[in-house]
């Protein structure tokens, strides 16, 4: 991690914690995937919001390997997308990205339909936000 990031990342993590958001740092996408897989128990239902970051860490295979039921509208037939979005927002675990993460620990999100933002604030018991 670069010198600049050694200063910024701990401050952002601390700012998130002041906002009652648990946070950790993973050096790369592989370690991020492993951290997420440690949190989600076998066999759970996991909803996923539209997120390139989630796609890039390749979490789906790991979740399937743990026997999880994955609800992600990006991998279902188009006629089922609305139903899958709704079911995903009611899952016990929800994975999403964020559009921006500020220095003072705020998540900034703009959502075309609102499924990600609504699931982040209401519904799932555990929301995991992955910021690249």
Protein backbone atom coordinates (compact mmCIF):
# COMPACT_ATOMS: atom_id res chain seq x y z
CA UNK A 1 0.00 0.00 0.00
CA UNK A 2 1.38 3.41 -0.92
CA UNK A 3 2.45 5.98 1.65
CA UNK A 4 -0.60 8.13 0.92
CA UNK A 5 -2.99 5.21 1.39
CA UNK A 6 -1.33 4.26 4.69
CA UNK A 7 -2.62 7.57 6.03
CA UNK A 8 -5.99 7.85 4.28
CA UNK A 9 -7.39 4.34 4.69
CA UNK A 10 -7.08 4.16 8.50
CA UNK A 11 -8.73 7.59 8.80
CA UNK A 12 -11.63 6.56 6.56
CA UNK A 13 -12.07 3.30 8.50
CA UNK A 14 -12.13 5.26 11.76
CA UNK A 15 -14.67 7.71 10.30
CA UNK A 16 -16.90 4.81 9.26
CA UNK A 17 -16.66 3.30 12.74
CA UNK A 18 -17.73 6.63 14.27
CA UNK A 19 -20.84 6.28 12.11
CA UNK A 20 -21.38 2.75 13.50
CA UNK A 21 -20.27 1.08 10.27
CA UNK A 22 -17.85 -1.81 10.71
CA UNK A 23 -15.03 -1.52 8.22
CA UNK A 24 -11.91 -3.36 7.17
CA UNK A 25 -9.33 -3.05 4.43
CA UNK A 26 -8.30 -5.79 2.03
CA UNK A 27 -5.10 -5.40 0.05
CA UNK A 28 -6.61 -6.90 -3.12
CA UNK A 29 -9.78 -8.39 -4.61
CA UNK A 30 -8.86 -11.93 -3.59
CA UNK A 31 -8.49 -10.97 0.06
CA UNK A 32 -11.72 -8.95 -0.11
CA UNK A 33 -13.57 -12.01 -1.43
CA UNK A 34 -12.14 -14.18 1.36
CA UNK A 35 -13.17 -11.65 4.04
CA UNK A 36 -16.72 -11.60 2.71
CA UNK A 37 -16.88 -15.39 2.54
CA UNK A 38 -15.83 -15.55 6.21
CA UNK A 39 -18.80 -13.35 7.17
CA UNK A 40 -21.51 -15.23 5.27
CA UNK A 41 -22.37 -18.66 6.70
CA UNK A 42 -22.99 -21.71 4.53
CA UNK A 43 -26.44 -22.07 3.03
CA UNK A 44 -27.57 -18.47 3.55
CA UNK A 45 -29.57 -16.45 1.07
CA UNK A 46 -27.50 -13.58 -0.31
CA UNK A 47 -28.94 -10.68 -2.28
CA UNK A 48 -26.71 -8.65 -4.54
CA UNK A 49 -27.30 -5.19 -5.94
CA UNK A 50 -26.06 -4.19 -9.36
CA UNK A 51 -22.33 -3.73 -8.79
CA UNK A 52 -19.32 -4.00 -11.05
CA UNK A 53 -17.13 -4.15 -7.93
CA UNK A 54 -19.00 -7.22 -6.67
CA UNK A 55 -18.66 -8.76 -10.12
CA UNK A 56 -14.92 -8.03 -10.22
CA UNK A 57 -14.16 -9.75 -6.90
CA UNK A 58 -15.79 -12.93 -8.30
CA UNK A 59 -17.74 -13.70 -5.14
CA UNK A 60 -20.52 -15.71 -6.84
CA UNK A 61 -18.53 -18.93 -7.21
CA UNK A 62 -17.43 -18.80 -3.57
CA UNK A 63 -21.02 -18.29 -2.42
CA UNK A 64 -22.28 -21.15 -4.56
CA UNK A 65 -19.48 -23.36 -3.20
CA UNK A 66 -20.81 -22.62 0.32
CA UNK A 67 -24.30 -23.66 -0.76
CA UNK A 68 -25.69 -20.14 -0.66
CA UNK A 69 -28.79 -19.11 -2.58
CA UNK A 70 -27.63 -16.09 -4.60
CA UNK A 71 -30.23 -13.56 -5.74
CA UNK A 72 -28.67 -11.26 -8.32
CA UNK A 73 -30.67 -9.70 -11.12
CA UNK A 74 -27.57 -9.60 -13.35
CA UNK A 75 -27.59 -13.40 -13.62
CA UNK A 76 -31.28 -14.14 -14.10
CA UNK A 77 -33.59 -14.05 -17.12
CA UNK A 78 -34.81 -10.52 -17.88
CA UNK A 79 -38.44 -11.39 -17.14
CA UNK A 80 -37.44 -12.31 -13.55
CA UNK A 81 -35.32 -9.22 -12.81
CA UNK A 82 -37.94 -7.28 -10.82
CA UNK A 83 -38.85 -10.29 -8.70
CA UNK A 84 -35.20 -11.10 -8.03
CA UNK A 85 -34.44 -7.48 -7.05
CA UNK A 86 -37.28 -7.55 -4.51
CA UNK A 87 -36.26 -10.92 -3.07
CA UNK A 88 -32.61 -9.81 -2.92
CA UNK A 89 -33.54 -6.78 -0.83
CA UNK A 90 -35.18 -9.10 1.71
CA UNK A 91 -32.26 -11.55 2.00
CA UNK A 92 -30.45 -11.94 5.32
CA UNK A 93 -27.19 -10.83 3.65
CA UNK A 94 -26.87 -8.19 0.95
CA UNK A 95 -23.79 -7.31 -1.08
CA UNK A 96 -23.40 -4.06 -2.95
CA UNK A 97 -20.89 -1.50 -4.05
CA UNK A 98 -21.02 2.21 -3.44
CA UNK A 99 -20.59 5.07 -5.88
CA UNK A 100 -18.26 6.93 -3.53
CA UNK A 101 -16.84 6.74 -0.04
CA UNK A 102 -15.86 10.07 1.49
CA UNK A 103 -12.95 10.88 3.76
CA UNK A 104 -15.36 11.52 6.63
CA UNK A 105 -17.03 8.11 6.29
CA UNK A 106 -20.10 8.82 4.19
CA UNK A 107 -21.38 6.52 1.49
CA UNK A 108 -22.61 8.29 -1.64
CA UNK A 109 -25.03 6.35 -3.82
CA UNK A 110 -27.08 7.13 -6.88
CA UNK A 111 -29.32 4.32 -8.02
CA UNK A 112 -31.38 4.09 -11.20
CA UNK A 113 -34.20 2.03 -9.70
CA UNK A 114 -33.49 2.37 -5.98
CA UNK A 115 -33.07 -1.31 -5.14
CA UNK A 116 -29.48 -0.98 -3.88
CA UNK A 117 -30.07 2.15 -1.82
CA UNK A 118 -33.27 0.82 -0.28
CA UNK A 119 -31.63 -2.51 0.61
CA UNK A 120 -28.68 -0.68 2.18
CA UNK A 121 -30.94 1.15 4.62
CA UNK A 122 -33.86 -1.23 5.13
CA UNK A 123 -34.35 -4.95 4.84
CA UNK A 124 -31.30 -7.18 5.08
CA UNK A 125 -29.88 -8.00 8.50
CA UNK A 126 -26.30 -7.62 7.23
CA UNK A 127 -25.24 -5.34 4.38
CA UNK A 128 -21.71 -5.64 3.03
CA UNK A 129 -20.57 -2.68 0.96
CA UNK A 130 -17.49 -3.24 -1.16
CA UNK A 131 -15.62 -0.13 -2.22
CA UNK A 132 -12.89 -0.45 -4.84
